C-alpha atoms as a PDB file:
ATOM      1  CA  MET A   1     116.242  85.152  90.091  1.00  0.00           C
ATOM      2  CA  ILE A   2     115.232  85.421  93.771  1.00  0.00           C
ATOM      3  CA  HIS A   3     112.471  87.846  92.785  1.00  0.00           C
ATOM      4  CA  HIS A   4     110.870  85.191  90.556  1.00  0.00           C
ATOM      5  CA  LEU A   5     111.170  82.574  93.284  1.00  0.00           C
ATOM      6  CA  LEU A   6     109.488  84.845  95.841  1.00  0.00           C
ATOM      7  CA  LEU A   7     106.754  85.731  93.371  1.00  0.00           C
ATOM      8  CA  GLY A   8     106.098  82.050  92.617  1.00  0.00           C
ATOM      9  CA  THR A   9     106.004  81.222  96.301  1.00  0.00           C
ATOM     10  CA  SER A  10     103.528  84.006  97.004  1.00  0.00           C
ATOM     11  CA  VAL A  11     101.240  82.865  94.181  1.00  0.00           C
ATOM     12  CA  LEU A  12     101.366  79.293  95.494  1.00  0.00           C
ATOM     13  CA  LEU A  13     100.529  80.434  99.020  1.00  0.00           C
ATOM     14  CA  ALA A  14      97.647  82.543  97.743  1.00  0.00           C
ATOM     15  CA  VAL A  15      96.202  79.563  95.874  1.00  0.00           C
ATOM     16  CA  LEU A  16      96.607  77.311  98.918  1.00  0.00           C
ATOM     17  CA  SER A  17      94.801  79.899 101.027  1.00  0.00           C
ATOM     18  CA  PHE A  18      91.681  79.314  98.958  1.00  0.00           C
ATOM     19  CA  PHE A  19      91.748  75.628  99.914  1.00  0.00           C
ATOM     20  CA  SER A  20      91.959  76.646 103.558  1.00  0.00           C
ATOM     21  CA  LEU A  21      89.105  79.083 103.020  1.00  0.00           C
ATOM     22  CA  TYR A  22      86.978  76.276 101.622  1.00  0.00           C
ATOM     23  CA  LYS A  23      87.792  74.131 104.666  1.00  0.00           C
ATOM     24  CA  ALA A  24      86.819  77.021 106.942  1.00  0.00           C
ATOM     25  CA  TYR A  25      83.484  77.260 105.137  1.00  0.00           C
ATOM     26  CA  ASP A  26      82.792  73.540 104.848  1.00  0.00           C
ATOM     27  CA  GLY A  27      84.473  72.195 108.002  1.00  0.00           C
ATOM     28  CA  PRO A  28      82.245  69.710 109.787  1.00  0.00           C
ATOM     29  CA  THR A  29      83.250  70.902 113.262  1.00  0.00           C
ATOM     30  CA  ALA A  30      84.144  74.212 114.829  1.00  0.00           C
ATOM     31  CA  ALA A  31      87.657  72.949 115.564  1.00  0.00           C
ATOM     32  CA  ASP A  32      88.230  72.306 111.855  1.00  0.00           C
ATOM     33  CA  ARG A  33      87.152  75.851 111.095  1.00  0.00           C
ATOM     34  CA  VAL A  34      89.490  77.287 113.739  1.00  0.00           C
ATOM     35  CA  VAL A  35      92.452  75.350 112.352  1.00  0.00           C
ATOM     36  CA  ALA A  36      91.634  76.502 108.811  1.00  0.00           C
ATOM     37  CA  ILE A  37      91.428  80.152 109.874  1.00  0.00           C
ATOM     38  CA  ASN A  38      94.725  79.774 111.734  1.00  0.00           C
ATOM     39  CA  MET A  39      96.303  78.344 108.577  1.00  0.00           C
ATOM     40  CA  ILE A  40      95.049  81.315 106.577  1.00  0.00           C
ATOM     41  CA  ALA A  41      96.487  83.736 109.136  1.00  0.00           C
ATOM     42  CA  THR A  42      99.851  81.972 108.967  1.00  0.00           C
ATOM     43  CA  LYS A  43      99.906  82.093 105.178  1.00  0.00           C
ATOM     44  CA  VAL A  44      98.995  85.781 105.176  1.00  0.00           C
ATOM     45  CA  THR A  45     101.832  86.431 107.629  1.00  0.00           C
ATOM     46  CA  VAL A  46     104.278  84.690 105.300  1.00  0.00           C
ATOM     47  CA  LEU A  47     102.905  86.664 102.340  1.00  0.00           C
ATOM     48  CA  ILE A  48     103.488  89.915 104.213  1.00  0.00           C
ATOM     49  CA  VAL A  49     107.092  88.887 104.937  1.00  0.00           C
ATOM     50  CA  ILE A  50     107.637  87.935 101.284  1.00  0.00           C
ATOM     51  CA  PHE A  51     106.243  91.313 100.238  1.00  0.00           C
ATOM     52  CA  ALA A  52     108.643  92.997 102.665  1.00  0.00           C
ATOM     53  CA  MET A  53     111.557  91.094 101.147  1.00  0.00           C
ATOM     54  CA  MET A  54     110.503  91.953  97.593  1.00  0.00           C
ATOM     55  CA  THR A  55     110.088  95.671  98.282  1.00  0.00           C
ATOM     56  CA  GLY A  56     112.939  96.040 100.756  1.00  0.00           C
ATOM     57  CA  GLN A  57     110.755  97.775 103.334  1.00  0.00           C
ATOM     58  CA  ASP A  58     111.495  96.450 106.797  1.00  0.00           C
ATOM     59  CA  GLY A  59     108.402  98.058 108.325  1.00  0.00           C
ATOM     60  CA  PHE A  60     106.248  95.269 106.963  1.00  0.00           C
ATOM     61  CA  ILE A  61     108.064  92.776 109.197  1.00  0.00           C
ATOM     62  CA  ASP A  62     106.578  94.563 112.222  1.00  0.00           C
ATOM     63  CA  VAL A  63     103.145  94.372 110.602  1.00  0.00           C
ATOM     64  CA  ALA A  64     103.622  90.626 110.035  1.00  0.00           C
ATOM     65  CA  LEU A  65     104.615  90.094 113.669  1.00  0.00           C
ATOM     66  CA  ALA A  66     101.595  92.018 114.930  1.00  0.00           C
ATOM     67  CA  TYR A  67      99.286  90.109 112.566  1.00  0.00           C
ATOM     68  CA  SER A  68     100.776  86.818 113.712  1.00  0.00           C
ATOM     69  CA  MET A  69     100.246  87.662 117.382  1.00  0.00           C
ATOM     70  CA  MET A  70      96.633  88.696 116.729  1.00  0.00           C
ATOM     71  CA  GLY A  71      96.011  85.423 114.904  1.00  0.00           C
ATOM     72  CA  PHE A  72      97.453  83.420 117.780  1.00  0.00           C
ATOM     73  CA  VAL A  73      95.409  85.254 120.416  1.00  0.00           C
ATOM     74  CA  ALA A  74      92.243  84.868 118.347  1.00  0.00           C
ATOM     75  CA  THR A  75      92.872  81.139 117.951  1.00  0.00           C
ATOM     76  CA  VAL A  76      93.405  80.689 121.676  1.00  0.00           C
ATOM     77  CA  CYS A  77      90.252  82.675 122.490  1.00  0.00           C
ATOM     78  CA  VAL A  78      88.098  80.707 120.073  1.00  0.00           C
ATOM     79  CA  ALA A  79      89.527  77.402 121.328  1.00  0.00           C
ATOM     80  CA  LYS A  80      88.755  78.399 124.914  1.00  0.00           C
ATOM     81  CA  TYR A  81      85.234  79.441 123.912  1.00  0.00           C
ATOM     82  CA  ILE A  82      84.656  76.118 122.152  1.00  0.00           C
ATOM     83  CA  GLU A  83      85.915  74.169 125.162  1.00  0.00           C
ATOM     84  CA  LYS A  84      84.296  76.084 128.041  1.00  0.00           C
ATOM     85  CA  GLY A  85      81.507  78.074 126.424  1.00  0.00           C
ATOM     86  CA  THR A  86      82.792  81.396 127.814  1.00  0.00           C
ATOM     87  CA  LEU A  87      85.922  83.512 127.605  1.00  0.00           C
ATOM     88  CA  SER A  88      86.170  84.364 131.286  1.00  0.00           C
END
């Protein structure tokens, strides 16, 4: 039963990622695009954790944490670049 629930959740998140991808492509401002890319990174992190739960391999949790940290750092860097025009 839990396997079907996790599979349904992962399909729903994958479909919702395409809406975020469209917003990243069509966003009127750079800030909208950054938020959309951050949403995609969060959904991919959750999908990796769901995959780890479905397969029972705990190593994917470390991959999800690393991916989440990279997404956060990238978002902060892009936000700083948008605000100041430079990363230094």
